[in-house]
Amino acid sequence: MSVCSFSRLLQLVDKQLDLDGQLEVYGHLERCDICRDAVYQLLRDRDKALFIYRAYRAEPYNVRHHIDEAAGSLGVYAR
């Protein structure tokens, strides 16, 4: 890979390249900071751990503590 090719980088990330193609792209990544950054961004954007799914129109969960209950539980440890 002598020139930058986003489609080849995308194929690398999607694991669609054979061994020779992978080696060619990895050789290019050693020399090209822009493509290396592009691969990092692609991998980061596809990381499922970054996405938090939230149900729409869900009621927020409110935790209500009574002052008496909170003081009672602290009083046990204060002895």
PDB file of N, CA and C in Angstrom:
ATOM      1  N   MET A   1       0.862  -1.168   0.000  1.00  0.00           N
ATOM      2  CA  MET A   1       0.000   0.000   0.000  1.00  0.00           C
ATOM      3  C   MET A   1       0.906   1.229   0.000  1.00  0.00           C
ATOM      4  N   SER A   2       1.076   1.816  -1.135  1.00  0.00           N
ATOM      5  CA  SER A   2       1.992   2.952  -1.254  1.00  0.00           C
ATOM      6  C   SER A   2       1.303   4.283  -0.988  1.00  0.00           C
ATOM      7  N   VAL A   3      -0.016   4.337  -1.147  1.00  0.00           N
ATOM      8  CA  VAL A   3      -0.759   5.567  -0.875  1.00  0.00           C
ATOM      9  C   VAL A   3      -1.838   5.274   0.164  1.00  0.00           C
ATOM     10  N   CYS A   4      -2.301   6.318   0.817  1.00  0.00           N
ATOM     11  CA  CYS A   4      -3.351   6.166   1.826  1.00  0.00           C
ATOM     12  C   CYS A   4      -4.657   5.715   1.170  1.00  0.00           C
ATOM     13  N   SER A   5      -5.298   4.746   1.794  1.00  0.00           N
ATOM     14  CA  SER A   5      -6.551   4.227   1.271  1.00  0.00           C
ATOM     15  C   SER A   5      -7.472   3.911   2.447  1.00  0.00           C
ATOM     16  N   PHE A   6      -8.509   4.730   2.604  1.00  0.00           N
ATOM     17  CA  PHE A   6      -9.432   4.529   3.710  1.00  0.00           C
ATOM     18  C   PHE A   6     -10.164   3.202   3.585  1.00  0.00           C
ATOM     19  N   SER A   7     -10.465   2.795   2.363  1.00  0.00           N
ATOM     20  CA  SER A   7     -11.174   1.525   2.179  1.00  0.00           C
ATOM     21  C   SER A   7     -10.319   0.350   2.633  1.00  0.00           C
ATOM     22  N   ARG A   8      -9.003   0.418   2.392  1.00  0.00           N
ATOM     23  CA  ARG A   8      -8.115  -0.654   2.869  1.00  0.00           C
ATOM     24  C   ARG A   8      -8.038  -0.652   4.389  1.00  0.00           C
ATOM     25  N   LEU A   9      -8.023   0.532   4.997  1.00  0.00           N
ATOM     26  CA  LEU A   9      -8.011   0.605   6.457  1.00  0.00           C
ATOM     27  C   LEU A   9      -9.289   0.025   7.041  1.00  0.00           C
ATOM     28  N   LEU A  10     -10.389   0.316   6.403  1.00  0.00           N
ATOM     29  CA  LEU A  10     -11.674  -0.210   6.846  1.00  0.00           C
ATOM     30  C   LEU A  10     -11.723  -1.732   6.704  1.00  0.00           C
ATOM     31  N   GLN A  11     -11.134  -2.248   5.638  1.00  0.00           N
ATOM     32  CA  GLN A  11     -11.060  -3.699   5.458  1.00  0.00           C
ATOM     33  C   GLN A  11     -10.198  -4.337   6.549  1.00  0.00           C
ATOM     34  N   LEU A  12      -9.132  -3.646   6.939  1.00  0.00           N
ATOM     35  CA  LEU A  12      -8.275  -4.151   8.013  1.00  0.00           C
ATOM     36  C   LEU A  12      -9.045  -4.219   9.325  1.00  0.00           C
ATOM     37  N   VAL A  13      -9.767  -3.166   9.643  1.00  0.00           N
ATOM     38  CA  VAL A  13     -10.541  -3.118  10.881  1.00  0.00           C
ATOM     39  C   VAL A  13     -11.644  -4.169  10.870  1.00  0.00           C
ATOM     40  N   ASP A  14     -12.258  -4.390   9.723  1.00  0.00           N
ATOM     41  CA  ASP A  14     -13.336  -5.380   9.598  1.00  0.00           C
ATOM     42  C   ASP A  14     -12.811  -6.805   9.416  1.00  0.00           C
ATOM     43  N   LYS A  15     -11.481  -6.967   9.419  1.00  0.00           N
ATOM     44  CA  LYS A  15     -10.823  -8.274   9.272  1.00  0.00           C
ATOM     45  C   LYS A  15     -11.220  -8.971   7.971  1.00  0.00           C
ATOM     46  N   GLN A  16     -11.181  -8.190   6.895  1.00  0.00           N
ATOM     47  CA  GLN A  16     -11.529  -8.717   5.579  1.00  0.00           C
ATOM     48  C   GLN A  16     -10.316  -8.895   4.675  1.00  0.00           C
ATOM     49  N   LEU A  17      -9.132  -8.662   5.194  1.00  0.00           N
ATOM     50  CA  LEU A  17      -7.920  -8.788   4.385  1.00  0.00           C
ATOM     51  C   LEU A  17      -7.227 -10.119   4.651  1.00  0.00           C
ATOM     52  N   ASP A  18      -6.614 -10.661   3.598  1.00  0.00           N
ATOM     53  CA  ASP A  18      -5.796 -11.858   3.790  1.00  0.00           C
ATOM     54  C   ASP A  18      -4.474 -11.440   4.430  1.00  0.00           C
ATOM     55  N   LEU A  19      -3.607 -12.399   4.693  1.00  0.00           N
ATOM     56  CA  LEU A  19      -2.360 -12.120   5.395  1.00  0.00           C
ATOM     57  C   LEU A  19      -1.479 -11.137   4.637  1.00  0.00           C
ATOM     58  N   ASP A  20      -1.376 -11.299   3.329  1.00  0.00           N
ATOM     59  CA  ASP A  20      -0.551 -10.381   2.533  1.00  0.00           C
ATOM     60  C   ASP A  20      -1.110  -8.959   2.591  1.00  0.00           C
ATOM     61  N   GLY A  21      -2.423  -8.828   2.518  1.00  0.00           N
ATOM     62  CA  GLY A  21      -3.047  -7.512   2.614  1.00  0.00           C
ATOM     63  C   GLY A  21      -2.835  -6.871   3.969  1.00  0.00           C
ATOM     64  N   GLN A  22      -2.927  -7.672   5.013  1.00  0.00           N
ATOM     65  CA  GLN A  22      -2.695  -7.154   6.360  1.00  0.00           C
ATOM     66  C   GLN A  22      -1.267  -6.649   6.517  1.00  0.00           C
ATOM     67  N   LEU A  23      -0.307  -7.457   6.044  1.00  0.00           N
ATOM     68  CA  LEU A  23       1.093  -7.047   6.148  1.00  0.00           C
ATOM     69  C   LEU A  23       1.372  -5.773   5.368  1.00  0.00           C
ATOM     70  N   GLU A  24       0.747  -5.638   4.221  1.00  0.00           N
ATOM     71  CA  GLU A  24       0.912  -4.438   3.410  1.00  0.00           C
ATOM     72  C   GLU A  24       0.386  -3.203   4.141  1.00  0.00           C
ATOM     73  N   VAL A  25      -0.793  -3.347   4.749  1.00  0.00           N
ATOM     74  CA  VAL A  25      -1.384  -2.215   5.473  1.00  0.00           C
ATOM     75  C   VAL A  25      -0.573  -1.905   6.730  1.00  0.00           C
ATOM     76  N   TYR A  26      -0.133  -2.940   7.455  1.00  0.00           N
ATOM     77  CA  TYR A  26       0.681  -2.701   8.652  1.00  0.00           C
ATOM     78  C   TYR A  26       1.992  -2.006   8.302  1.00  0.00           C
ATOM     79  N   GLY A  27       2.586  -2.362   7.180  1.00  0.00           N
ATOM     80  CA  GLY A  27       3.794  -1.670   6.725  1.00  0.00           C
ATOM     81  C   GLY A  27       3.525  -0.208   6.448  1.00  0.00           C
ATOM     82  N   HIS A  28       2.375   0.085   5.869  1.00  0.00           N
ATOM     83  CA  HIS A  28       2.006   1.480   5.606  1.00  0.00           C
ATOM     84  C   HIS A  28       1.762   2.227   6.915  1.00  0.00           C
ATOM     85  N   LEU A  29       1.133   1.553   7.884  1.00  0.00           N
ATOM     86  CA  LEU A  29       0.830   2.209   9.160  1.00  0.00           C
ATOM     87  C   LEU A  29       2.093   2.591   9.926  1.00  0.00           C
ATOM     88  N   GLU A  30       3.179   1.862   9.705  1.00  0.00           N
ATOM     89  CA  GLU A  30       4.447   2.211  10.348  1.00  0.00           C
ATOM     90  C   GLU A  30       4.973   3.554   9.860  1.00  0.00           C
ATOM     91  N   ARG A  31       4.630   3.910   8.629  1.00  0.00           N
ATOM     92  CA  ARG A  31       5.155   5.140   8.029  1.00  0.00           C
ATOM     93  C   ARG A  31       4.169   6.294   8.047  1.00  0.00           C
ATOM     94  N   CYS A  32       2.883   6.035   8.239  1.00  0.00           N
ATOM     95  CA  CYS A  32       1.869   7.075   8.049  1.00  0.00           C
ATOM     96  C   CYS A  32       1.100   7.339   9.347  1.00  0.00           C
ATOM     97  N   ASP A  33       1.348   8.494   9.932  1.00  0.00           N
ATOM     98  CA  ASP A  33       0.653   8.869  11.174  1.00  0.00           C
ATOM     99  C   ASP A  33      -0.834   9.103  10.950  1.00  0.00           C
ATOM    100  N   ILE A  34      -1.194   9.618   9.798  1.00  0.00           N
ATOM    101  CA  ILE A  34      -2.604   9.925   9.517  1.00  0.00           C
ATOM    102  C   ILE A  34      -3.426   8.636   9.452  1.00  0.00           C
ATOM    103  N   CYS A  35      -2.932   7.637   8.762  1.00  0.00           N
ATOM    104  CA  CYS A  35      -3.655   6.369   8.661  1.00  0.00           C
ATOM    105  C   CYS A  35      -3.692   5.644  10.003  1.00  0.00           C
ATOM    106  N   ARG A  36      -2.602   5.739  10.754  1.00  0.00           N
ATOM    107  CA  ARG A  36      -2.580   5.117  12.080  1.00  0.00           C
ATOM    108  C   ARG A  36      -3.635   5.744  12.969  1.00  0.00           C
ATOM    109  N   ASP A  37      -3.776   7.059  12.907  1.00  0.00           N
ATOM    110  CA  ASP A  37      -4.802   7.750  13.675  1.00  0.00           C
ATOM    111  C   ASP A  37      -6.203   7.364  13.188  1.00  0.00           C
ATOM    112  N   ALA A  38      -6.354   7.193  11.879  1.00  0.00           N
ATOM    113  CA  ALA A  38      -7.654   6.806  11.323  1.00  0.00           C
ATOM    114  C   ALA A  38      -8.062   5.417  11.823  1.00  0.00           C
ATOM    115  N   VAL A  39      -7.112   4.484  11.882  1.00  0.00           N
ATOM    116  CA  VAL A  39      -7.413   3.142  12.398  1.00  0.00           C
ATOM    117  C   VAL A  39      -7.788   3.218  13.864  1.00  0.00           C
ATOM    118  N   TYR A  40      -7.082   4.028  14.629  1.00  0.00           N
ATOM    119  CA  TYR A  40      -7.413   4.206  16.044  1.00  0.00           C
ATOM    120  C   TYR A  40      -8.839   4.736  16.187  1.00  0.00           C
ATOM    121  N   GLN A  41      -9.187   5.740  15.398  1.00  0.00           N
ATOM    122  CA  GLN A  41     -10.537   6.321  15.477  1.00  0.00           C
ATOM    123  C   GLN A  41     -11.604   5.306  15.082  1.00  0.00           C
ATOM    124  N   LEU A  42     -11.344   4.520  14.048  1.00  0.00           N
ATOM    125  CA  LEU A  42     -12.303   3.493  13.633  1.00  0.00           C
ATOM    126  C   LEU A  42     -12.528   2.454  14.737  1.00  0.00           C
ATOM    127  N   LEU A  43     -11.442   2.008  15.334  1.00  0.00           N
ATOM    128  CA  LEU A  43     -11.562   1.022  16.405  1.00  0.00           C
ATOM    129  C   LEU A  43     -12.264   1.609  17.625  1.00  0.00           C
ATOM    130  N   ARG A  44     -11.964   2.852  17.938  1.00  0.00           N
ATOM    131  CA  ARG A  44     -12.601   3.501  19.085  1.00  0.00           C
ATOM    132  C   ARG A  44     -14.094   3.689  18.845  1.00  0.00           C
ATOM    133  N   ASP A  45     -14.461   4.091  17.640  1.00  0.00           N
ATOM    134  CA  ASP A  45     -15.872   4.323  17.340  1.00  0.00           C
ATOM    135  C   ASP A  45     -16.685   3.036  17.334  1.00  0.00           C
ATOM    136  N   ARG A  46     -16.044   1.920  17.105  1.00  0.00           N
ATOM    137  CA  ARG A  46     -16.752   0.643  17.065  1.00  0.00           C
ATOM    138  C   ARG A  46     -16.716  -0.099  18.386  1.00  0.00           C
ATOM    139  N   ASP A  47     -16.072   0.484  19.398  1.00  0.00           N
ATOM    140  CA  ASP A  47     -15.987  -0.159  20.707  1.00  0.00           C
ATOM    141  C   ASP A  47     -17.328  -0.068  21.412  1.00  0.00           C
ATOM    142  N   LYS A  48     -17.953  -1.201  21.694  1.00  0.00           N
ATOM    143  CA  LYS A  48     -19.278  -1.223  22.309  1.00  0.00           C
ATOM    144  C   LYS A  48     -19.265  -0.713  23.737  1.00  0.00           C
ATOM    145  N   ALA A  49     -18.115  -0.746  24.385  1.00  0.00           N
ATOM    146  CA  ALA A  49     -18.038  -0.286  25.769  1.00  0.00           C
ATOM    147  C   ALA A  49     -18.241   1.227  25.875  1.00  0.00           C
ATOM    148  N   LEU A  50     -18.058   1.949  24.770  1.00  0.00           N
ATOM    149  CA  LEU A  50     -18.232   3.401  24.806  1.00  0.00           C
ATOM    150  C   LEU A  50     -19.686   3.824  24.723  1.00  0.00           C
ATOM    151  N   PHE A  51     -20.543   2.924  24.306  1.00  0.00           N
ATOM    152  CA  PHE A  51     -21.935   3.271  24.099  1.00  0.00           C
ATOM    153  C   PHE A  51     -22.778   2.773  25.256  1.00  0.00           C
ATOM    154  N   ILE A  52     -23.564   3.655  25.809  1.00  0.00           N
ATOM    155  CA  ILE A  52     -24.493   3.303  26.879  1.00  0.00           C
ATOM    156  C   ILE A  52     -25.883   3.453  26.304  1.00  0.00           C
ATOM    157  N   TYR A  53     -26.602   2.354  26.254  1.00  0.00           N
ATOM    158  CA  TYR A  53     -27.938   2.381  25.688  1.00  0.00           C
ATOM    159  C   TYR A  53     -28.935   2.733  26.775  1.00  0.00           C
ATOM    160  N   ARG A  54     -29.837   3.631  26.467  1.00  0.00           N
ATOM    161  CA  ARG A  54     -30.824   4.108  27.421  1.00  0.00           C
ATOM    162  C   ARG A  54     -32.200   3.969  26.812  1.00  0.00           C
ATOM    163  N   ALA A  55     -33.109   3.465  27.594  1.00  0.00           N
ATOM    164  CA  ALA A  55     -34.481   3.336  27.111  1.00  0.00           C
ATOM    165  C   ALA A  55     -35.106   4.729  27.027  1.00  0.00           C
ATOM    166  N   TYR A  56     -35.741   5.004  25.920  1.00  0.00           N
ATOM    167  CA  TYR A  56     -36.378   6.294  25.747  1.00  0.00           C
ATOM    168  C   TYR A  56     -37.693   6.330  26.511  1.00  0.00           C
ATOM    169  N   ARG A  57     -38.017   7.508  26.973  1.00  0.00           N
ATOM    170  CA  ARG A  57     -39.248   7.759  27.715  1.00  0.00           C
ATOM    171  C   ARG A  57     -39.364   6.934  28.990  1.00  0.00           C
ATOM    172  N   ALA A  58     -38.246   6.547  29.528  1.00  0.00           N
ATOM    173  CA  ALA A  58     -38.258   5.808  30.792  1.00  0.00           C
ATOM    174  C   ALA A  58     -38.259   6.815  31.938  1.00  0.00           C
ATOM    175  N   GLU A  59     -38.974   6.485  32.962  1.00  0.00           N
ATOM    176  CA  GLU A  59     -39.017   7.344  34.137  1.00  0.00           C
ATOM    177  C   GLU A  59     -37.684   7.241  34.874  1.00  0.00           C
ATOM    178  N   PRO A  60     -37.154   8.368  35.330  1.00  0.00           N
ATOM    179  CA  PRO A  60     -35.897   8.301  36.079  1.00  0.00           C
ATOM    180  C   PRO A  60     -36.109   7.586  37.410  1.00  0.00           C
ATOM    181  N   TYR A  61     -35.088   6.882  37.807  1.00  0.00           N
ATOM    182  CA  TYR A  61     -35.152   6.124  39.045  1.00  0.00           C
ATOM    183  C   TYR A  61     -34.751   7.047  40.187  1.00  0.00           C
ATOM    184  N   ASN A  62     -35.677   7.305  41.071  1.00  0.00           N
ATOM    185  CA  ASN A  62     -35.408   8.192  42.202  1.00  0.00           C
ATOM    186  C   ASN A  62     -35.252   7.373  43.465  1.00  0.00           C
ATOM    187  N   VAL A  63     -34.184   7.611  44.153  1.00  0.00           N
ATOM    188  CA  VAL A  63     -33.955   6.962  45.433  1.00  0.00           C
ATOM    189  C   VAL A  63     -34.277   7.974  46.512  1.00  0.00           C
ATOM    190  N   ARG A  64     -35.188   7.611  47.360  1.00  0.00           N
ATOM    191  CA  ARG A  64     -35.591   8.514  48.429  1.00  0.00           C
ATOM    192  C   ARG A  64     -35.174   7.930  49.768  1.00  0.00           C
ATOM    193  N   HIS A  65     -34.385   8.673  50.471  1.00  0.00           N
ATOM    194  CA  HIS A  65     -33.957   8.258  51.807  1.00  0.00           C
ATOM    195  C   HIS A  65     -34.645   9.151  52.824  1.00  0.00           C
ATOM    196  N   HIS A  66     -35.161   8.534  53.828  1.00  0.00           N
ATOM    197  CA  HIS A  66     -35.726   9.310  54.924  1.00  0.00           C
ATOM    198  C   HIS A  66     -34.607   9.647  55.895  1.00  0.00           C
ATOM    199  N   ILE A  67     -34.679  10.804  56.460  1.00  0.00           N
ATOM    200  CA  ILE A  67     -33.645  11.253  57.379  1.00  0.00           C
ATOM    201  C   ILE A  67     -33.540  10.300  58.567  1.00  0.00           C
ATOM    202  N   ASP A  68     -34.652   9.799  59.047  1.00  0.00           N
ATOM    203  CA  ASP A  68     -34.633   8.898  60.199  1.00  0.00           C
ATOM    204  C   ASP A  68     -33.904   7.594  59.868  1.00  0.00           C
ATOM    205  N   GLU A  69     -34.137   7.054  58.696  1.00  0.00           N
ATOM    206  CA  GLU A  69     -33.488   5.800  58.310  1.00  0.00           C
ATOM    207  C   GLU A  69     -31.990   5.993  58.154  1.00  0.00           C
ATOM    208  N   ALA A  70     -31.583   7.096  57.545  1.00  0.00           N
ATOM    209  CA  ALA A  70     -30.159   7.356  57.347  1.00  0.00           C
ATOM    210  C   ALA A  70     -29.468   7.576  58.685  1.00  0.00           C
ATOM    211  N   ALA A  71     -30.096   8.298  59.580  1.00  0.00           N
ATOM    212  CA  ALA A  71     -29.496   8.537  60.894  1.00  0.00           C
ATOM    213  C   ALA A  71     -29.436   7.239  61.701  1.00  0.00           C
ATOM    214  N   GLY A  72     -30.445   6.407  61.576  1.00  0.00           N
ATOM    215  CA  GLY A  72     -30.457   5.132  62.292  1.00  0.00           C
ATOM    216  C   GLY A  72     -29.333   4.219  61.846  1.00  0.00           C
ATOM    217  N   SER A  73     -29.067   4.177  60.551  1.00  0.00           N
ATOM    218  CA  SER A  73     -28.010   3.299  60.078  1.00  0.00           C
ATOM    219  C   SER A  73     -26.637   3.827  60.461  1.00  0.00           C
ATOM    220  N   LEU A  74     -26.489   5.146  60.534  1.00  0.00           N
ATOM    221  CA  LEU A  74     -25.217   5.716  60.970  1.00  0.00           C
ATOM    222  C   LEU A  74     -25.040   5.550  62.465  1.00  0.00           C
ATOM    223  N   GLY A  75     -26.143   5.550  63.200  1.00  0.00           N
ATOM    224  CA  GLY A  75     -26.053   5.429  64.643  1.00  0.00           C
ATOM    225  C   GLY A  75     -25.496   4.084  65.069  1.00  0.00           C
ATOM    226  N   VAL A  76     -25.680   3.052  64.264  1.00  0.00           N
ATOM    227  CA  VAL A  76     -25.175   1.721  64.598  1.00  0.00           C
ATOM    228  C   VAL A  76     -23.652   1.747  64.636  1.00  0.00           C
ATOM    229  N   TYR A  77     -23.052   2.469  63.686  1.00  0.00           N
ATOM    230  CA  TYR A  77     -21.587   2.494  63.606  1.00  0.00           C
ATOM    231  C   TYR A  77     -20.971   3.499  64.549  1.00  0.00           C
ATOM    232  N   ALA A  78     -21.771   4.368  65.114  1.00  0.00           N
ATOM    233  CA  ALA A  78     -21.228   5.426  65.977  1.00  0.00           C
ATOM    234  C   ALA A  78     -20.903   4.910  67.369  1.00  0.00           C
ATOM    235  N   ARG A  79     -21.356   3.743  67.736  1.00  0.00           N
ATOM    236  CA  ARG A  79     -21.139   3.235  69.102  1.00  0.00           C
ATOM    237  C   ARG A  79     -19.731   2.901  69.375  1.00  0.00           C
TER     238      ARG A  79
END
